[in-house]
Amino acid sequence: MVAFPDPEIFDNFTWDEIKPYYDELLACELTPENIEDWICDWMGLNHLVWARFGRFLFAAKDPSNETAKAELDAYHDAICTPALHASGELGKKFHVSKIRPKEMEVQQYDLDANGVLIPRTAYDFSYLDCTNKRNLPR
């Protein structure tokens, strides 16, 4: 499990301070034994990044807060954009590993052009309860 700093400390991190957490997850060898913790670390890291974005977004909705839009844009460019790319790399790692806890498989259906249902397996991470496992703010 990745040891994340307190969210209040994390909120002041630059991308150079956040990136090593993504790199650690990318370097981790995925096994059936560690996949659930790895997923929770991935979700926890994304939670920390996007919770801060949400606070900037909320502040930017206040027309009297003149600096909020600039702070939102700066955070988006400096943190969110590289975090999206890094999280995408983690998603690829997860996909390529083909390691899945059975509990997360959910049967879903798509419609083809002729209206025929095509079954596919999707993955639901919610059963892991990562927020409680990582003591993240809700």
N, C-alpha and C. Protein backbone atom coordinates (compact mmCIF):
# COMPACT_ATOMS: atom_id res chain seq x y z
N MET A 1 0.83 -1.18 0.00
CA MET A 1 0.00 0.00 0.00
C MET A 1 0.88 1.25 0.00
N VAL A 2 0.45 2.22 -0.78
CA VAL A 2 1.16 3.48 -0.87
C VAL A 2 0.79 4.32 0.35
N ALA A 3 1.77 4.93 0.96
CA ALA A 3 1.52 5.81 2.11
C ALA A 3 1.34 7.23 1.60
N PHE A 4 0.08 7.68 1.57
CA PHE A 4 -0.20 9.04 1.12
C PHE A 4 -0.05 10.00 2.28
N PRO A 5 0.37 11.23 1.99
CA PRO A 5 0.42 12.23 3.05
C PRO A 5 -0.99 12.68 3.42
N ASP A 6 -1.10 13.39 4.49
CA ASP A 6 -2.37 13.98 4.91
C ASP A 6 -2.92 14.82 3.74
N PRO A 7 -4.24 14.76 3.49
CA PRO A 7 -4.79 15.53 2.37
C PRO A 7 -4.48 17.02 2.41
N GLU A 8 -4.38 17.60 3.59
CA GLU A 8 -4.06 19.03 3.68
C GLU A 8 -2.63 19.31 3.21
N ILE A 9 -1.74 18.37 3.44
CA ILE A 9 -0.36 18.50 2.95
C ILE A 9 -0.34 18.26 1.44
N PHE A 10 -1.05 17.22 1.01
CA PHE A 10 -1.12 16.88 -0.42
C PHE A 10 -1.64 18.06 -1.25
N ASP A 11 -2.58 18.80 -0.68
CA ASP A 11 -3.17 19.94 -1.41
C ASP A 11 -2.14 20.97 -1.83
N ASN A 12 -1.01 21.01 -1.18
CA ASN A 12 0.02 21.99 -1.52
C ASN A 12 1.11 21.43 -2.42
N PHE A 13 0.97 20.18 -2.82
CA PHE A 13 1.98 19.55 -3.66
C PHE A 13 1.95 20.07 -5.08
N THR A 14 3.12 20.13 -5.67
CA THR A 14 3.26 20.39 -7.09
C THR A 14 3.19 19.05 -7.83
N TRP A 15 3.16 19.10 -9.17
CA TRP A 15 3.16 17.86 -9.93
C TRP A 15 4.42 17.04 -9.65
N ASP A 16 5.55 17.71 -9.50
CA ASP A 16 6.79 16.99 -9.23
C ASP A 16 6.73 16.22 -7.90
N GLU A 17 5.90 16.67 -6.98
CA GLU A 17 5.74 15.96 -5.71
C GLU A 17 4.66 14.87 -5.79
N ILE A 18 3.71 15.03 -6.69
CA ILE A 18 2.63 14.05 -6.86
C ILE A 18 3.05 12.90 -7.76
N LYS A 19 3.80 13.20 -8.80
CA LYS A 19 4.18 12.20 -9.81
C LYS A 19 4.82 10.94 -9.23
N PRO A 20 5.67 11.02 -8.21
CA PRO A 20 6.26 9.78 -7.68
C PRO A 20 5.23 8.77 -7.15
N TYR A 21 4.07 9.25 -6.72
CA TYR A 21 3.02 8.33 -6.27
C TYR A 21 2.47 7.53 -7.45
N TYR A 22 2.26 8.20 -8.57
CA TYR A 22 1.82 7.51 -9.79
C TYR A 22 2.93 6.56 -10.27
N ASP A 23 4.17 7.03 -10.23
CA ASP A 23 5.29 6.19 -10.67
C ASP A 23 5.42 4.92 -9.81
N GLU A 24 5.20 5.06 -8.50
CA GLU A 24 5.27 3.90 -7.61
C GLU A 24 4.21 2.86 -7.99
N LEU A 25 3.01 3.32 -8.29
CA LEU A 25 1.95 2.40 -8.70
C LEU A 25 2.25 1.78 -10.06
N LEU A 26 2.82 2.56 -10.94
CA LEU A 26 3.16 2.05 -12.27
C LEU A 26 4.25 0.99 -12.19
N ALA A 27 5.18 1.14 -11.25
CA ALA A 27 6.29 0.20 -11.10
C ALA A 27 5.90 -1.07 -10.35
N CYS A 28 4.79 -1.04 -9.64
CA CYS A 28 4.37 -2.18 -8.83
C CYS A 28 3.97 -3.37 -9.70
N GLU A 29 4.47 -4.55 -9.35
CA GLU A 29 4.04 -5.77 -10.04
C GLU A 29 2.68 -6.16 -9.51
N LEU A 30 1.71 -6.31 -10.41
CA LEU A 30 0.36 -6.68 -10.00
C LEU A 30 0.24 -8.19 -9.85
N THR A 31 -0.36 -8.59 -8.75
CA THR A 31 -0.60 -10.01 -8.47
C THR A 31 -2.03 -10.16 -7.96
N PRO A 32 -2.57 -11.37 -7.98
CA PRO A 32 -3.90 -11.56 -7.40
C PRO A 32 -3.95 -11.16 -5.91
N GLU A 33 -2.82 -11.26 -5.25
CA GLU A 33 -2.77 -10.93 -3.82
C GLU A 33 -2.78 -9.43 -3.55
N ASN A 34 -2.23 -8.63 -4.46
CA ASN A 34 -2.14 -7.19 -4.18
C ASN A 34 -3.08 -6.33 -5.03
N ILE A 35 -3.85 -6.93 -5.91
CA ILE A 35 -4.63 -6.14 -6.87
C ILE A 35 -5.64 -5.23 -6.18
N GLU A 36 -6.30 -5.69 -5.13
CA GLU A 36 -7.29 -4.85 -4.47
C GLU A 36 -6.64 -3.64 -3.80
N ASP A 37 -5.52 -3.85 -3.12
CA ASP A 37 -4.82 -2.72 -2.51
C ASP A 37 -4.30 -1.77 -3.58
N TRP A 38 -3.80 -2.32 -4.67
CA TRP A 38 -3.30 -1.47 -5.76
C TRP A 38 -4.42 -0.61 -6.33
N ILE A 39 -5.57 -1.19 -6.56
CA ILE A 39 -6.72 -0.44 -7.08
C ILE A 39 -7.10 0.67 -6.09
N CYS A 40 -7.12 0.33 -4.80
CA CYS A 40 -7.47 1.35 -3.79
C CYS A 40 -6.42 2.46 -3.74
N ASP A 41 -5.17 2.13 -3.93
CA ASP A 41 -4.14 3.17 -3.99
C ASP A 41 -4.37 4.07 -5.20
N TRP A 42 -4.66 3.46 -6.32
CA TRP A 42 -4.94 4.22 -7.55
C TRP A 42 -6.15 5.13 -7.35
N MET A 43 -7.24 4.58 -6.81
CA MET A 43 -8.44 5.37 -6.58
C MET A 43 -8.18 6.45 -5.52
N GLY A 44 -7.40 6.12 -4.50
CA GLY A 44 -7.09 7.09 -3.46
C GLY A 44 -6.28 8.26 -3.98
N LEU A 45 -5.32 7.97 -4.83
CA LEU A 45 -4.51 9.02 -5.43
C LEU A 45 -5.36 9.92 -6.31
N ASN A 46 -6.21 9.32 -7.12
CA ASN A 46 -7.11 10.12 -7.95
C ASN A 46 -8.05 10.96 -7.08
N HIS A 47 -8.51 10.39 -5.98
CA HIS A 47 -9.40 11.13 -5.08
C HIS A 47 -8.70 12.39 -4.56
N LEU A 48 -7.45 12.25 -4.14
CA LEU A 48 -6.72 13.40 -3.62
C LEU A 48 -6.56 14.50 -4.68
N VAL A 49 -6.23 14.10 -5.89
CA VAL A 49 -6.05 15.07 -6.98
C VAL A 49 -7.37 15.76 -7.32
N TRP A 50 -8.43 14.98 -7.50
CA TRP A 50 -9.68 15.54 -7.99
C TRP A 50 -10.50 16.21 -6.91
N ALA A 51 -10.30 15.87 -5.64
CA ALA A 51 -10.99 16.58 -4.57
C ALA A 51 -10.52 18.03 -4.54
N ARG A 52 -9.24 18.23 -4.71
CA ARG A 52 -8.70 19.58 -4.74
C ARG A 52 -9.24 20.35 -5.95
N PHE A 53 -9.31 19.69 -7.10
CA PHE A 53 -9.88 20.32 -8.28
C PHE A 53 -11.33 20.75 -8.01
N GLY A 54 -12.09 19.89 -7.33
CA GLY A 54 -13.48 20.20 -7.00
C GLY A 54 -13.60 21.45 -6.14
N ARG A 55 -12.69 21.59 -5.20
CA ARG A 55 -12.71 22.79 -4.35
C ARG A 55 -12.41 24.04 -5.19
N PHE A 56 -11.45 23.94 -6.10
CA PHE A 56 -11.17 25.08 -6.99
C PHE A 56 -12.38 25.39 -7.87
N LEU A 57 -13.01 24.35 -8.38
CA LEU A 57 -14.17 24.53 -9.25
C LEU A 57 -15.31 25.21 -8.49
N PHE A 58 -15.55 24.77 -7.27
CA PHE A 58 -16.61 25.36 -6.45
C PHE A 58 -16.32 26.84 -6.20
N ALA A 59 -15.08 27.15 -5.86
CA ALA A 59 -14.70 28.54 -5.59
C ALA A 59 -14.85 29.40 -6.84
N ALA A 60 -14.57 28.82 -8.01
CA ALA A 60 -14.63 29.58 -9.26
C ALA A 60 -16.07 29.93 -9.65
N LYS A 61 -17.04 29.27 -9.06
CA LYS A 61 -18.44 29.58 -9.36
C LYS A 61 -18.91 30.85 -8.66
N ASP A 62 -18.13 31.32 -7.70
CA ASP A 62 -18.46 32.55 -6.97
C ASP A 62 -17.93 33.74 -7.77
N PRO A 63 -18.82 34.56 -8.35
CA PRO A 63 -18.36 35.67 -9.19
C PRO A 63 -17.56 36.73 -8.43
N SER A 64 -17.70 36.77 -7.10
CA SER A 64 -16.94 37.76 -6.33
C SER A 64 -15.50 37.31 -6.08
N ASN A 65 -15.22 36.04 -6.34
CA ASN A 65 -13.86 35.51 -6.13
C ASN A 65 -13.09 35.64 -7.44
N GLU A 66 -12.39 36.74 -7.57
CA GLU A 66 -11.73 37.08 -8.84
C GLU A 66 -10.51 36.21 -9.15
N THR A 67 -9.88 35.66 -8.14
CA THR A 67 -8.68 34.86 -8.39
C THR A 67 -8.99 33.37 -8.60
N ALA A 68 -10.22 32.96 -8.26
CA ALA A 68 -10.55 31.54 -8.29
C ALA A 68 -10.42 30.92 -9.68
N LYS A 69 -10.87 31.62 -10.71
CA LYS A 69 -10.81 31.07 -12.07
C LYS A 69 -9.36 30.87 -12.49
N ALA A 70 -8.50 31.82 -12.17
CA ALA A 70 -7.08 31.69 -12.52
C ALA A 70 -6.45 30.52 -11.76
N GLU A 71 -6.82 30.35 -10.47
CA GLU A 71 -6.30 29.24 -9.69
C GLU A 71 -6.79 27.90 -10.24
N LEU A 72 -8.06 27.86 -10.64
CA LEU A 72 -8.63 26.65 -11.25
C LEU A 72 -7.88 26.29 -12.52
N ASP A 73 -7.70 27.26 -13.39
CA ASP A 73 -7.00 27.01 -14.66
C ASP A 73 -5.56 26.56 -14.43
N ALA A 74 -4.89 27.21 -13.47
CA ALA A 74 -3.50 26.85 -13.18
C ALA A 74 -3.41 25.43 -12.64
N TYR A 75 -4.33 25.07 -11.73
CA TYR A 75 -4.32 23.71 -11.17
C TYR A 75 -4.63 22.68 -12.25
N HIS A 76 -5.59 23.01 -13.10
CA HIS A 76 -5.93 22.10 -14.19
C HIS A 76 -4.72 21.82 -15.06
N ASP A 77 -4.03 22.88 -15.46
CA ASP A 77 -2.89 22.72 -16.36
C ASP A 77 -1.70 22.05 -15.67
N ALA A 78 -1.42 22.44 -14.43
CA ALA A 78 -0.22 21.95 -13.75
C ALA A 78 -0.39 20.56 -13.13
N ILE A 79 -1.61 20.23 -12.69
CA ILE A 79 -1.82 18.98 -11.96
C ILE A 79 -2.76 18.03 -12.70
N CYS A 80 -3.94 18.52 -13.06
CA CYS A 80 -4.96 17.63 -13.62
C CYS A 80 -4.56 17.01 -14.95
N THR A 81 -4.00 17.82 -15.83
CA THR A 81 -3.62 17.28 -17.14
C THR A 81 -2.58 16.17 -17.03
N PRO A 82 -1.47 16.36 -16.30
CA PRO A 82 -0.53 15.25 -16.17
C PRO A 82 -1.11 14.09 -15.34
N ALA A 83 -1.98 14.39 -14.38
CA ALA A 83 -2.58 13.31 -13.58
C ALA A 83 -3.50 12.45 -14.44
N LEU A 84 -4.23 13.06 -15.36
CA LEU A 84 -5.07 12.28 -16.28
C LEU A 84 -4.22 11.34 -17.12
N HIS A 85 -3.12 11.84 -17.62
CA HIS A 85 -2.22 10.99 -18.41
C HIS A 85 -1.66 9.85 -17.55
N ALA A 86 -1.19 10.18 -16.36
CA ALA A 86 -0.61 9.16 -15.48
C ALA A 86 -1.65 8.12 -15.07
N SER A 87 -2.86 8.58 -14.79
CA SER A 87 -3.93 7.64 -14.42
C SER A 87 -4.29 6.75 -15.61
N GLY A 88 -4.24 7.32 -16.80
CA GLY A 88 -4.47 6.51 -18.00
C GLY A 88 -3.44 5.41 -18.14
N GLU A 89 -2.20 5.72 -17.81
CA GLU A 89 -1.14 4.69 -17.85
C GLU A 89 -1.43 3.59 -16.83
N LEU A 90 -1.95 3.98 -15.66
CA LEU A 90 -2.30 2.97 -14.65
C LEU A 90 -3.48 2.12 -15.14
N GLY A 91 -4.42 2.77 -15.82
CA GLY A 91 -5.54 2.02 -16.39
C GLY A 91 -5.07 0.99 -17.41
N LYS A 92 -4.10 1.38 -18.23
CA LYS A 92 -3.53 0.43 -19.20
C LYS A 92 -2.85 -0.72 -18.48
N LYS A 93 -2.12 -0.40 -17.43
CA LYS A 93 -1.43 -1.44 -16.66
C LYS A 93 -2.45 -2.44 -16.10
N PHE A 94 -3.52 -1.93 -15.53
CA PHE A 94 -4.57 -2.78 -14.98
C PHE A 94 -5.19 -3.64 -16.08
N HIS A 95 -5.50 -3.02 -17.20
CA HIS A 95 -6.13 -3.74 -18.31
C HIS A 95 -5.22 -4.86 -18.83
N VAL A 96 -3.97 -4.54 -19.05
CA VAL A 96 -3.02 -5.51 -19.60
C VAL A 96 -2.77 -6.66 -18.62
N SER A 97 -2.82 -6.38 -17.33
CA SER A 97 -2.53 -7.42 -16.33
C SER A 97 -3.54 -8.56 -16.36
N LYS A 98 -4.77 -8.26 -16.74
CA LYS A 98 -5.86 -9.23 -16.76
C LYS A 98 -6.14 -9.85 -15.39
N ILE A 99 -5.63 -9.23 -14.33
CA ILE A 99 -5.90 -9.71 -12.97
C ILE A 99 -7.11 -8.96 -12.46
N ARG A 100 -8.16 -9.70 -12.12
CA ARG A 100 -9.41 -9.09 -11.68
C ARG A 100 -9.96 -9.87 -10.49
N PRO A 101 -10.29 -9.17 -9.42
CA PRO A 101 -11.06 -9.85 -8.37
C PRO A 101 -12.43 -10.22 -8.95
N LYS A 102 -12.86 -11.44 -8.72
CA LYS A 102 -14.13 -11.91 -9.28
C LYS A 102 -15.30 -11.03 -8.85
N GLU A 103 -15.23 -10.48 -7.63
CA GLU A 103 -16.32 -9.68 -7.10
C GLU A 103 -16.58 -8.41 -7.90
N MET A 104 -15.61 -7.98 -8.67
CA MET A 104 -15.78 -6.71 -9.37
C MET A 104 -16.35 -6.88 -10.78
N GLU A 105 -16.54 -8.10 -11.22
CA GLU A 105 -17.10 -8.31 -12.56
C GLU A 105 -18.60 -8.03 -12.56
N VAL A 106 -19.03 -7.23 -13.52
CA VAL A 106 -20.44 -6.89 -13.67
C VAL A 106 -20.81 -7.13 -15.13
N GLN A 107 -21.88 -7.87 -15.34
CA GLN A 107 -22.32 -8.13 -16.71
C GLN A 107 -23.12 -6.94 -17.21
N GLN A 108 -22.71 -6.36 -18.33
CA GLN A 108 -23.43 -5.26 -18.96
C GLN A 108 -23.68 -5.62 -20.41
N TYR A 109 -24.54 -4.84 -21.05
CA TYR A 109 -24.89 -5.12 -22.43
C TYR A 109 -24.81 -3.84 -23.26
N ASP A 110 -24.36 -4.00 -24.47
CA ASP A 110 -24.36 -2.92 -25.46
C ASP A 110 -25.31 -3.31 -26.57
N LEU A 111 -25.80 -2.31 -27.29
CA LEU A 111 -26.63 -2.57 -28.46
C LEU A 111 -25.79 -2.40 -29.71
N ASP A 112 -25.90 -3.35 -30.63
CA ASP A 112 -25.21 -3.16 -31.90
C ASP A 112 -26.11 -2.36 -32.83
N ALA A 113 -25.66 -2.12 -34.03
CA ALA A 113 -26.40 -1.28 -34.99
C ALA A 113 -27.77 -1.85 -35.33
N ASN A 114 -27.96 -3.16 -35.14
CA ASN A 114 -29.23 -3.81 -35.45
C ASN A 114 -30.13 -3.95 -34.22
N GLY A 115 -29.72 -3.37 -33.11
CA GLY A 115 -30.53 -3.46 -31.89
C GLY A 115 -30.35 -4.76 -31.13
N VAL A 116 -29.31 -5.52 -31.45
CA VAL A 116 -29.05 -6.78 -30.77
C VAL A 116 -28.18 -6.52 -29.54
N LEU A 117 -28.57 -7.09 -28.41
CA LEU A 117 -27.79 -6.94 -27.19
C LEU A 117 -26.51 -7.76 -27.26
N ILE A 118 -25.41 -7.11 -26.94
CA ILE A 118 -24.11 -7.78 -26.93
C ILE A 118 -23.58 -7.73 -25.50
N PRO A 119 -23.40 -8.90 -24.87
CA PRO A 119 -22.92 -8.89 -23.49
C PRO A 119 -21.44 -8.51 -23.42
N ARG A 120 -21.08 -7.84 -22.35
CA ARG A 120 -19.68 -7.53 -22.08
C ARG A 120 -19.50 -7.49 -20.58
N THR A 121 -18.30 -7.71 -20.15
CA THR A 121 -17.98 -7.65 -18.73
C THR A 121 -17.38 -6.29 -18.42
N ALA A 122 -17.95 -5.63 -17.43
CA ALA A 122 -17.41 -4.36 -16.94
C ALA A 122 -16.90 -4.62 -15.53
N TYR A 123 -16.25 -3.63 -14.95
CA TYR A 123 -15.67 -3.81 -13.63
C TYR A 123 -16.13 -2.70 -12.71
N ASP A 124 -16.66 -3.10 -11.56
CA ASP A 124 -17.17 -2.18 -10.56
C ASP A 124 -16.23 -2.19 -9.36
N PHE A 125 -15.59 -1.04 -9.11
CA PHE A 125 -14.63 -0.93 -8.02
C PHE A 125 -15.29 -0.63 -6.67
N SER A 126 -16.57 -0.31 -6.68
CA SER A 126 -17.20 0.20 -5.46
C SER A 126 -17.20 -0.80 -4.31
N TYR A 127 -17.21 -2.09 -4.59
CA TYR A 127 -17.25 -3.07 -3.52
C TYR A 127 -15.99 -3.02 -2.65
N LEU A 128 -14.92 -2.44 -3.18
CA LEU A 128 -13.66 -2.38 -2.43
C LEU A 128 -13.71 -1.41 -1.26
N ASP A 129 -14.60 -0.42 -1.30
CA ASP A 129 -14.73 0.59 -0.25
C ASP A 129 -13.39 1.26 0.02
N CYS A 130 -12.76 1.74 -1.03
CA CYS A 130 -11.42 2.33 -0.94
C CYS A 130 -11.38 3.58 -0.07
N THR A 131 -12.47 4.33 -0.03
CA THR A 131 -12.48 5.54 0.79
C THR A 131 -12.23 5.22 2.25
N ASN A 132 -12.88 4.17 2.75
CA ASN A 132 -12.66 3.78 4.14
C ASN A 132 -11.31 3.12 4.34
N LYS A 133 -10.86 2.34 3.38
CA LYS A 133 -9.57 1.67 3.51
C LYS A 133 -8.42 2.67 3.60
N ARG A 134 -8.55 3.80 2.93
CA ARG A 134 -7.48 4.80 2.89
C ARG A 134 -7.75 6.00 3.79
N ASN A 135 -8.87 5.96 4.55
CA ASN A 135 -9.24 7.08 5.43
C ASN A 135 -9.25 8.40 4.69
N LEU A 136 -9.85 8.39 3.51
CA LEU A 136 -9.93 9.62 2.71
C LEU A 136 -11.19 10.40 3.08
N PRO A 137 -11.11 11.71 2.99
CA PRO A 137 -12.31 12.49 3.25
C PRO A 137 -13.37 12.23 2.19
N ARG A 138 -14.60 12.26 2.58
CA ARG A 138 -15.70 12.02 1.63
C ARG A 138 -16.09 13.29 0.94
